[in-house]
Amino acid sequence: APGESRSVWRLPGWMDPTSPLGLSMSYHRNPARWRKDGEHTTLQSVAKGQEFVMDVGSNSAEAHQWIDSLFLQP
């Protein structure tokens, strides 16, 4: 997240576990780690590493758009 440490991530709102999709990310089931931030959600990540997994299920179109935006930014 802008202006935060590397352990604070700004993610799309649909990734928030309290969203209607009810997604969850491995090692991040504690609701205190998540904070709504407008159209986004902010996550205080755990210090495990890079092995976090989220099953996006039927939300794959939004997931693909988000991943593309990470690599295709001007």
Foldseek 3Di string as FASTA:
>chain_A
DPPDDPQKDKAFPVCQCVPPVNKDKPPQPPNVQWDDDPRIIIGRHDPPDDPIDIDCPPVVVVVVVVVCCVVVPD
